[in-house]
Amino acid sequence: MNIETINKSIQSQKEALLNHSLYKKVQSIEDLLIFLENHVYAVWDFMSLLKALQSKLTCTTTPWFATENPETRYLINEIVLAEESDLTLDGKRQSHYEMYIEAMGFCGANTKGISSFLIEVESLRNIFVAIKKSDLHPNIKAFLDFTFRVIEEGKTHEIAAAFTFGREDLIPSMFTKILMSFQANFPETNLSKLIYYFERHIELDADEHGPMAMQMITELCGNDAVKWKEVEEISILALEKRIGLWNAIEESIEMNTTLV
């Protein structure tokens, strides 16, 4: 098994995401705000996947020791550098999560939901209890729970699978569709920071992070058939959880339209 066979295995889930009816439902500023206020949880938990990989593939404790594979060490550190401290539209250094939050505020989205959730996470010191206690849509809860189960229970190549096939490999095509929809539907609205965020992701993930993440999977699995099978299973689950997230956002938009 290799990257090519994994891609074939997950093709139906990828097509379901790329052809999801959600994209066509984002037709007003209100729809856009609902999208942002729900999608932000995926932007946030992505950073935990990334840092879990960094802690496993590099040395983040003292005393320092060189980790086994310098290649994967380099790959993950390169991705962390951009995701955790990229340049913003106005030349500041921010994580992509902070850029997203700022873009949300800039176009009128409510960030109180995610802020309250993170305060609860910090207070409870147990992510699973915080997810369960929250009033998030069940699909968003399932999405978050899956991410942190993989982080807590998964092997390094399984965390890398959720990161690569569930996130990095998918983001360029998915965000391109969303961005095209935004530009078509809101030509009079200033979405500069939001568009910059999406374009930055497209640029980084398509040209740099996506290929790097694929290389990382190959390095981690080598010729181990069991590892490749586990990568396949986690990748399919990760994409199914993402489909569930998209279903939840679409449902929220439809409910709001009905109420109006």
C-alpha atoms as a PDB file:
ATOM      1  CA  MET A   1       0.000   0.000   0.000  1.00  0.00           C
ATOM      2  CA  ASN A   2       1.127   3.577  -0.643  1.00  0.00           C
ATOM      3  CA  ILE A   3      -0.162   7.158  -1.019  1.00  0.00           C
ATOM      4  CA  GLU A   4      -1.765   6.315  -4.355  1.00  0.00           C
ATOM      5  CA  THR A   5      -3.778   3.416  -2.950  1.00  0.00           C
ATOM      6  CA  ILE A   6      -4.890   5.499   0.052  1.00  0.00           C
ATOM      7  CA  ASN A   7      -6.140   8.182  -2.328  1.00  0.00           C
ATOM      8  CA  LYS A   8      -8.146   5.575  -4.222  1.00  0.00           C
ATOM      9  CA  SER A   9      -9.628   4.226  -0.972  1.00  0.00           C
ATOM     10  CA  ILE A  10     -10.847   7.660   0.147  1.00  0.00           C
ATOM     11  CA  GLN A  11     -11.990   8.888  -3.258  1.00  0.00           C
ATOM     12  CA  SER A  12     -15.730   8.529  -2.575  1.00  0.00           C
ATOM     13  CA  GLN A  13     -15.495  10.503   0.691  1.00  0.00           C
ATOM     14  CA  LYS A  14     -13.405  13.217  -0.977  1.00  0.00           C
ATOM     15  CA  GLU A  15     -15.920  13.513  -3.817  1.00  0.00           C
ATOM     16  CA  ALA A  16     -18.785  13.708  -1.309  1.00  0.00           C
ATOM     17  CA  LEU A  17     -17.027  16.640   0.372  1.00  0.00           C
ATOM     18  CA  LEU A  18     -15.996  18.449  -2.776  1.00  0.00           C
ATOM     19  CA  ASN A  19     -19.504  18.125  -4.226  1.00  0.00           C
ATOM     20  CA  HIS A  20     -21.351  18.810  -0.968  1.00  0.00           C
ATOM     21  CA  SER A  21     -24.523  20.887  -1.286  1.00  0.00           C
ATOM     22  CA  LEU A  22     -23.304  23.171   1.549  1.00  0.00           C
ATOM     23  CA  TYR A  23     -21.295  25.318  -0.861  1.00  0.00           C
ATOM     24  CA  LYS A  24     -24.411  26.363  -2.766  1.00  0.00           C
ATOM     25  CA  LYS A  25     -26.272  27.169   0.463  1.00  0.00           C
ATOM     26  CA  VAL A  26     -23.892  30.004   1.438  1.00  0.00           C
ATOM     27  CA  GLN A  27     -25.801  32.728  -0.400  1.00  0.00           C
ATOM     28  CA  SER A  28     -26.085  35.623   2.031  1.00  0.00           C
ATOM     29  CA  ILE A  29     -23.937  37.340   4.631  1.00  0.00           C
ATOM     30  CA  GLU A  30     -26.034  35.596   7.309  1.00  0.00           C
ATOM     31  CA  ASP A  31     -25.239  32.221   5.742  1.00  0.00           C
ATOM     32  CA  LEU A  32     -21.552  33.111   5.630  1.00  0.00           C
ATOM     33  CA  LEU A  33     -21.530  34.072   9.313  1.00  0.00           C
ATOM     34  CA  ILE A  34     -23.186  30.765  10.269  1.00  0.00           C
ATOM     35  CA  PHE A  35     -20.545  28.938   8.254  1.00  0.00           C
ATOM     36  CA  LEU A  36     -17.700  30.777   9.981  1.00  0.00           C
ATOM     37  CA  GLU A  37     -19.147  30.406  13.480  1.00  0.00           C
ATOM     38  CA  ASN A  38     -19.330  26.612  13.047  1.00  0.00           C
ATOM     39  CA  HIS A  39     -16.258  25.966  10.911  1.00  0.00           C
ATOM     40  CA  VAL A  40     -13.996  27.778  13.395  1.00  0.00           C
ATOM     41  CA  TYR A  41     -13.957  24.658  15.611  1.00  0.00           C
ATOM     42  CA  ALA A  42     -12.210  22.755  12.829  1.00  0.00           C
ATOM     43  CA  VAL A  43      -9.718  25.600  12.409  1.00  0.00           C
ATOM     44  CA  TRP A  44      -8.977  25.422  16.127  1.00  0.00           C
ATOM     45  CA  ASP A  45      -8.682  21.653  16.629  1.00  0.00           C
ATOM     46  CA  PHE A  46      -6.412  21.383  13.590  1.00  0.00           C
ATOM     47  CA  MET A  47      -3.749  23.169  15.656  1.00  0.00           C
ATOM     48  CA  SER A  48      -3.914  20.427  18.283  1.00  0.00           C
ATOM     49  CA  LEU A  49      -3.371  17.741  15.629  1.00  0.00           C
ATOM     50  CA  LEU A  50      -0.378  19.706  14.418  1.00  0.00           C
ATOM     51  CA  LYS A  51       1.132  20.132  17.877  1.00  0.00           C
ATOM     52  CA  ALA A  52       0.531  16.458  18.718  1.00  0.00           C
ATOM     53  CA  LEU A  53       2.598  15.546  15.667  1.00  0.00           C
ATOM     54  CA  GLN A  54       5.303  18.010  16.612  1.00  0.00           C
ATOM     55  CA  SER A  55       5.553  16.532  20.105  1.00  0.00           C
ATOM     56  CA  LYS A  56       5.900  13.011  18.669  1.00  0.00           C
ATOM     57  CA  LEU A  57       8.230  13.753  15.751  1.00  0.00           C
ATOM     58  CA  THR A  58      10.524  16.334  17.371  1.00  0.00           C
ATOM     59  CA  CYS A  59      11.909  16.849  20.848  1.00  0.00           C
ATOM     60  CA  THR A  60       9.858  19.467  22.696  1.00  0.00           C
ATOM     61  CA  THR A  61      11.094  18.630  26.207  1.00  0.00           C
ATOM     62  CA  THR A  62      14.361  19.095  28.063  1.00  0.00           C
ATOM     63  CA  PRO A  63      16.992  17.761  28.110  1.00  0.00           C
ATOM     64  CA  TRP A  64      16.946  17.727  24.312  1.00  0.00           C
ATOM     65  CA  PHE A  65      17.678  14.586  22.308  1.00  0.00           C
ATOM     66  CA  ALA A  66      17.679  14.209  18.541  1.00  0.00           C
ATOM     67  CA  THR A  67      14.615  12.311  17.331  1.00  0.00           C
ATOM     68  CA  GLU A  68      14.987   9.291  15.096  1.00  0.00           C
ATOM     69  CA  ASN A  69      14.041  10.750  11.724  1.00  0.00           C
ATOM     70  CA  PRO A  70      15.505  14.165  10.749  1.00  0.00           C
ATOM     71  CA  GLU A  71      13.337  14.259   7.611  1.00  0.00           C
ATOM     72  CA  THR A  72       9.996  14.058   9.455  1.00  0.00           C
ATOM     73  CA  ARG A  73      11.408  16.407  12.098  1.00  0.00           C
ATOM     74  CA  TYR A  74      12.064  18.999   9.410  1.00  0.00           C
ATOM     75  CA  LEU A  75       8.707  18.479   7.686  1.00  0.00           C
ATOM     76  CA  ILE A  76       6.599  19.000  10.801  1.00  0.00           C
ATOM     77  CA  ASN A  77       8.661  21.962  12.044  1.00  0.00           C
ATOM     78  CA  GLU A  78       8.238  23.672   8.666  1.00  0.00           C
ATOM     79  CA  ILE A  79       4.464  23.226   8.819  1.00  0.00           C
ATOM     80  CA  VAL A  80       4.293  24.397  12.456  1.00  0.00           C
ATOM     81  CA  LEU A  81       6.265  27.537  11.610  1.00  0.00           C
ATOM     82  CA  ALA A  82       3.705  28.685   9.046  1.00  0.00           C
ATOM     83  CA  GLU A  83       0.571  27.509  10.863  1.00  0.00           C
ATOM     84  CA  GLU A  84       1.529  28.972  14.228  1.00  0.00           C
ATOM     85  CA  SER A  85       3.242  32.217  13.168  1.00  0.00           C
ATOM     86  CA  ASP A  86       2.371  33.205   9.601  1.00  0.00           C
ATOM     87  CA  LEU A  87       2.282  36.739   8.179  1.00  0.00           C
ATOM     88  CA  THR A  88      -1.136  38.402   8.200  1.00  0.00           C
ATOM     89  CA  LEU A  89      -2.553  40.693   5.531  1.00  0.00           C
ATOM     90  CA  ASP A  90      -1.149  43.693   7.436  1.00  0.00           C
ATOM     91  CA  GLY A  91       2.255  42.161   8.141  1.00  0.00           C
ATOM     92  CA  LYS A  92       1.799  40.886  11.709  1.00  0.00           C
ATOM     93  CA  ARG A  93       2.669  37.402  12.966  1.00  0.00           C
ATOM     94  CA  GLN A  94      -0.307  35.230  13.917  1.00  0.00           C
ATOM     95  CA  SER A  95      -1.387  31.614  13.935  1.00  0.00           C
ATOM     96  CA  HIS A  96      -3.894  30.683  11.260  1.00  0.00           C
ATOM     97  CA  TYR A  97      -6.482  30.226  14.011  1.00  0.00           C
ATOM     98  CA  GLU A  98      -5.918  33.809  15.224  1.00  0.00           C
ATOM     99  CA  MET A  99      -6.094  35.032  11.624  1.00  0.00           C
ATOM    100  CA  TYR A 100      -9.436  33.264  11.236  1.00  0.00           C
ATOM    101  CA  ILE A 101     -10.809  34.754  14.464  1.00  0.00           C
ATOM    102  CA  GLU A 102      -9.720  38.235  13.372  1.00  0.00           C
ATOM    103  CA  ALA A 103     -11.286  37.710   9.941  1.00  0.00           C
ATOM    104  CA  MET A 104     -14.518  36.601  11.621  1.00  0.00           C
ATOM    105  CA  GLY A 105     -14.664  39.778  13.681  1.00  0.00           C
ATOM    106  CA  PHE A 106     -13.811  41.883  10.647  1.00  0.00           C
ATOM    107  CA  CYS A 107     -16.825  40.643   8.686  1.00  0.00           C
ATOM    108  CA  GLY A 108     -19.269  40.617  11.620  1.00  0.00           C
ATOM    109  CA  ALA A 109     -19.252  36.972  12.739  1.00  0.00           C
ATOM    110  CA  ASN A 110     -19.762  36.154  16.420  1.00  0.00           C
ATOM    111  CA  THR A 111     -16.668  34.719  18.134  1.00  0.00           C
ATOM    112  CA  LYS A 112     -18.313  34.371  21.573  1.00  0.00           C
ATOM    113  CA  GLY A 113     -19.213  30.714  20.982  1.00  0.00           C
ATOM    114  CA  ILE A 114     -15.670  29.512  20.342  1.00  0.00           C
ATOM    115  CA  SER A 115     -14.263  31.835  23.045  1.00  0.00           C
ATOM    116  CA  SER A 116     -16.669  30.461  25.673  1.00  0.00           C
ATOM    117  CA  PHE A 117     -15.893  26.905  24.601  1.00  0.00           C
ATOM    118  CA  LEU A 118     -12.139  27.440  24.973  1.00  0.00           C
ATOM    119  CA  ILE A 119     -12.608  29.019  28.411  1.00  0.00           C
ATOM    120  CA  GLU A 120     -14.548  25.893  29.405  1.00  0.00           C
ATOM    121  CA  VAL A 121     -11.833  23.627  27.971  1.00  0.00           C
ATOM    122  CA  GLU A 122      -9.195  25.458  29.999  1.00  0.00           C
ATOM    123  CA  SER A 123     -11.332  25.454  33.136  1.00  0.00           C
ATOM    124  CA  LEU A 124     -12.301  21.772  33.034  1.00  0.00           C
ATOM    125  CA  ARG A 125      -8.841  20.583  31.931  1.00  0.00           C
ATOM    126  CA  ASN A 126     -10.544  17.723  30.125  1.00  0.00           C
ATOM    127  CA  ILE A 127     -11.309  18.227  26.456  1.00  0.00           C
ATOM    128  CA  PHE A 128     -13.725  15.279  26.271  1.00  0.00           C
ATOM    129  CA  VAL A 129     -15.847  16.541  29.176  1.00  0.00           C
ATOM    130  CA  ALA A 130     -15.838  20.041  27.658  1.00  0.00           C
ATOM    131  CA  ILE A 131     -17.044  18.686  24.315  1.00  0.00           C
ATOM    132  CA  LYS A 132     -19.768  16.609  25.954  1.00  0.00           C
ATOM    133  CA  LYS A 133     -21.004  19.517  28.126  1.00  0.00           C
ATOM    134  CA  SER A 134     -21.092  22.000  25.256  1.00  0.00           C
ATOM    135  CA  ASP A 135     -24.267  22.885  23.370  1.00  0.00           C
ATOM    136  CA  LEU A 136     -22.603  22.387  20.003  1.00  0.00           C
ATOM    137  CA  HIS A 137     -24.337  20.471  17.199  1.00  0.00           C
ATOM    138  CA  PRO A 138     -23.877  16.691  17.745  1.00  0.00           C
ATOM    139  CA  ASN A 139     -21.891  16.444  14.496  1.00  0.00           C
ATOM    140  CA  ILE A 140     -19.469  19.140  15.649  1.00  0.00           C
ATOM    141  CA  LYS A 141     -19.099  17.321  18.958  1.00  0.00           C
ATOM    142  CA  ALA A 142     -18.380  14.092  17.063  1.00  0.00           C
ATOM    143  CA  PHE A 143     -15.857  15.900  14.866  1.00  0.00           C
ATOM    144  CA  LEU A 144     -13.966  17.311  17.858  1.00  0.00           C
ATOM    145  CA  ASP A 145     -14.191  14.083  19.846  1.00  0.00           C
ATOM    146  CA  PHE A 146     -12.685  12.130  16.938  1.00  0.00           C
ATOM    147  CA  THR A 147      -9.779  14.578  16.639  1.00  0.00           C
ATOM    148  CA  PHE A 148      -8.852  14.359  20.300  1.00  0.00           C
ATOM    149  CA  ARG A 149      -9.389  10.577  20.494  1.00  0.00           C
ATOM    150  CA  VAL A 150      -6.887  10.184  17.672  1.00  0.00           C
ATOM    151  CA  ILE A 151      -4.475  12.532  19.464  1.00  0.00           C
ATOM    152  CA  GLU A 152      -4.846  10.700  22.789  1.00  0.00           C
ATOM    153  CA  GLU A 153      -5.063   7.097  21.609  1.00  0.00           C
ATOM    154  CA  GLY A 154      -3.571   7.134  18.119  1.00  0.00           C
ATOM    155  CA  LYS A 155      -0.141   6.088  16.953  1.00  0.00           C
ATOM    156  CA  THR A 156       1.999   8.717  15.270  1.00  0.00           C
ATOM    157  CA  HIS A 157       1.119   7.562  11.736  1.00  0.00           C
ATOM    158  CA  GLU A 158      -2.598   7.607  12.641  1.00  0.00           C
ATOM    159  CA  ILE A 159      -2.380  11.214  13.878  1.00  0.00           C
ATOM    160  CA  ALA A 160      -0.493  12.035  10.681  1.00  0.00           C
ATOM    161  CA  ALA A 161      -3.265  10.364   8.656  1.00  0.00           C
ATOM    162  CA  ALA A 162      -5.997  12.480  10.275  1.00  0.00           C
ATOM    163  CA  PHE A 163      -3.846  15.554   9.693  1.00  0.00           C
ATOM    164  CA  THR A 164      -2.878  14.755   6.093  1.00  0.00           C
ATOM    165  CA  PHE A 165      -5.876  13.108   4.468  1.00  0.00           C
ATOM    166  CA  GLY A 166      -8.542  14.605   6.724  1.00  0.00           C
ATOM    167  CA  ARG A 167      -7.157  18.144   6.575  1.00  0.00           C
ATOM    168  CA  GLU A 168      -4.042  19.194   4.657  1.00  0.00           C
ATOM    169  CA  ASP A 169      -4.634  17.211   1.470  1.00  0.00           C
ATOM    170  CA  LEU A 170      -8.258  18.325   1.296  1.00  0.00           C
ATOM    171  CA  ILE A 171      -8.017  22.001   2.167  1.00  0.00           C
ATOM    172  CA  PRO A 172      -6.850  23.528  -1.158  1.00  0.00           C
ATOM    173  CA  SER A 173      -9.691  22.119  -3.293  1.00  0.00           C
ATOM    174  CA  MET A 174     -12.295  22.590  -0.577  1.00  0.00           C
ATOM    175  CA  PHE A 175     -11.363  26.169   0.247  1.00  0.00           C
ATOM    176  CA  THR A 176     -11.117  27.102  -3.418  1.00  0.00           C
ATOM    177  CA  LYS A 177     -14.790  26.146  -3.834  1.00  0.00           C
ATOM    178  CA  ILE A 178     -15.778  28.183  -0.784  1.00  0.00           C
ATOM    179  CA  LEU A 179     -13.719  31.181  -1.868  1.00  0.00           C
ATOM    180  CA  MET A 180     -15.248  31.169  -5.358  1.00  0.00           C
ATOM    181  CA  SER A 181     -18.697  31.107  -3.772  1.00  0.00           C
ATOM    182  CA  PHE A 182     -17.872  34.052  -1.498  1.00  0.00           C
ATOM    183  CA  GLN A 183     -16.493  36.165  -4.323  1.00  0.00           C
ATOM    184  CA  ALA A 184     -19.507  35.434  -6.540  1.00  0.00           C
ATOM    185  CA  ASN A 185     -22.133  36.077  -3.863  1.00  0.00           C
ATOM    186  CA  PHE A 186     -20.672  39.047  -1.982  1.00  0.00           C
ATOM    187  CA  PRO A 187     -18.927  41.336  -4.500  1.00  0.00           C
ATOM    188  CA  GLU A 188     -19.919  44.470  -2.552  1.00  0.00           C
ATOM    189  CA  THR A 189     -18.767  43.202   0.860  1.00  0.00           C
ATOM    190  CA  ASN A 190     -15.251  43.722   2.184  1.00  0.00           C
ATOM    191  CA  LEU A 191     -14.057  40.233   3.022  1.00  0.00           C
ATOM    192  CA  SER A 192     -10.370  41.029   2.544  1.00  0.00           C
ATOM    193  CA  LYS A 193      -9.055  39.348   5.701  1.00  0.00           C
ATOM    194  CA  LEU A 194     -11.204  36.281   5.200  1.00  0.00           C
ATOM    195  CA  ILE A 195     -10.213  35.967   1.554  1.00  0.00           C
ATOM    196  CA  TYR A 196      -6.556  36.398   2.534  1.00  0.00           C
ATOM    197  CA  TYR A 197      -6.918  33.559   5.058  1.00  0.00           C
ATOM    198  CA  PHE A 198      -8.407  31.208   2.457  1.00  0.00           C
ATOM    199  CA  GLU A 199      -5.906  32.201  -0.228  1.00  0.00           C
ATOM    200  CA  ARG A 200      -3.028  31.713   2.196  1.00  0.00           C
ATOM    201  CA  HIS A 201      -4.263  28.215   2.956  1.00  0.00           C
ATOM    202  CA  ILE A 202      -4.639  27.406  -0.727  1.00  0.00           C
ATOM    203  CA  GLU A 203      -1.118  28.667  -1.430  1.00  0.00           C
ATOM    204  CA  LEU A 204       0.565  26.900   1.495  1.00  0.00           C
ATOM    205  CA  ASP A 205      -1.339  23.624   1.417  1.00  0.00           C
ATOM    206  CA  ALA A 206      -1.305  23.057  -2.318  1.00  0.00           C
ATOM    207  CA  ASP A 207       2.311  24.076  -2.874  1.00  0.00           C
ATOM    208  CA  GLU A 208       4.043  23.184   0.382  1.00  0.00           C
ATOM    209  CA  HIS A 209       2.174  21.606   3.286  1.00  0.00           C
ATOM    210  CA  GLY A 210       0.178  19.054   1.284  1.00  0.00           C
ATOM    211  CA  PRO A 211       3.252  17.497  -0.387  1.00  0.00           C
ATOM    212  CA  MET A 212       5.184  17.710   2.896  1.00  0.00           C
ATOM    213  CA  ALA A 213       2.406  15.900   4.755  1.00  0.00           C
ATOM    214  CA  MET A 214       2.320  13.158   2.090  1.00  0.00           C
ATOM    215  CA  GLN A 215       6.063  12.725   2.425  1.00  0.00           C
ATOM    216  CA  MET A 216       5.670  12.512   6.203  1.00  0.00           C
ATOM    217  CA  ILE A 217       3.122   9.681   5.844  1.00  0.00           C
ATOM    218  CA  THR A 218       5.472   7.795   3.525  1.00  0.00           C
ATOM    219  CA  GLU A 219       8.378   8.238   5.952  1.00  0.00           C
ATOM    220  CA  LEU A 220       6.290   7.075   8.927  1.00  0.00           C
ATOM    221  CA  CYS A 221       4.774   3.993   7.254  1.00  0.00           C
ATOM    222  CA  GLY A 222       7.672   2.800   5.110  1.00  0.00           C
ATOM    223  CA  ASN A 223       6.980  -0.776   4.018  1.00  0.00           C
ATOM    224  CA  ASP A 224       4.772  -1.632   7.008  1.00  0.00           C
ATOM    225  CA  ALA A 225       1.459  -2.955   5.635  1.00  0.00           C
ATOM    226  CA  VAL A 226      -0.244  -2.723   9.054  1.00  0.00           C
ATOM    227  CA  LYS A 227       0.607   0.970   9.375  1.00  0.00           C
ATOM    228  CA  TRP A 228      -0.673   1.686   5.864  1.00  0.00           C
ATOM    229  CA  LYS A 229      -3.948  -0.098   6.675  1.00  0.00           C
ATOM    230  CA  GLU A 230      -4.350   1.940   9.867  1.00  0.00           C
ATOM    231  CA  VAL A 231      -3.669   5.137   7.896  1.00  0.00           C
ATOM    232  CA  GLU A 232      -6.406   4.126   5.460  1.00  0.00           C
ATOM    233  CA  GLU A 233      -8.937   3.473   8.236  1.00  0.00           C
ATOM    234  CA  ILE A 234      -8.238   6.735  10.092  1.00  0.00           C
ATOM    235  CA  SER A 235      -8.316   8.728   6.847  1.00  0.00           C
ATOM    236  CA  ILE A 236     -11.769   7.394   5.935  1.00  0.00           C
ATOM    237  CA  LEU A 237     -13.082   8.152   9.432  1.00  0.00           C
ATOM    238  CA  ALA A 238     -11.597  11.653   9.380  1.00  0.00           C
ATOM    239  CA  LEU A 239     -13.312  12.439   6.088  1.00  0.00           C
ATOM    240  CA  GLU A 240     -16.622  11.022   7.305  1.00  0.00           C
ATOM    241  CA  LYS A 241     -16.423  13.297  10.355  1.00  0.00           C
ATOM    242  CA  ARG A 242     -15.746  16.237   8.045  1.00  0.00           C
ATOM    243  CA  ILE A 243     -18.820  15.322   5.983  1.00  0.00           C
ATOM    244  CA  GLY A 244     -20.761  15.304   9.267  1.00  0.00           C
ATOM    245  CA  LEU A 245     -19.439  18.781  10.070  1.00  0.00           C
ATOM    246  CA  TRP A 246     -20.510  20.051   6.637  1.00  0.00           C
ATOM    247  CA  ASN A 247     -23.968  18.480   7.178  1.00  0.00           C
ATOM    248  CA  ALA A 248     -24.250  20.286  10.524  1.00  0.00           C
ATOM    249  CA  ILE A 249     -23.357  23.667   9.012  1.00  0.00           C
ATOM    250  CA  GLU A 250     -25.790  23.125   6.146  1.00  0.00           C
ATOM    251  CA  GLU A 251     -28.527  22.206   8.632  1.00  0.00           C
ATOM    252  CA  SER A 252     -27.833  25.370  10.659  1.00  0.00           C
ATOM    253  CA  ILE A 253     -28.076  27.535   7.543  1.00  0.00           C
ATOM    254  CA  GLU A 254     -31.341  25.863   6.474  1.00  0.00           C
ATOM    255  CA  MET A 255     -32.828  26.268   9.959  1.00  0.00           C
ATOM    256  CA  ASN A 256     -31.944  29.963   9.979  1.00  0.00           C
ATOM    257  CA  THR A 257     -33.477  30.439   6.519  1.00  0.00           C
ATOM    258  CA  THR A 258     -36.677  28.732   7.690  1.00  0.00           C
ATOM    259  CA  LEU A 259     -36.858  30.972  10.765  1.00  0.00           C
ATOM    260  CA  VAL A 260     -36.453  34.084   8.634  1.00  0.00           C
END
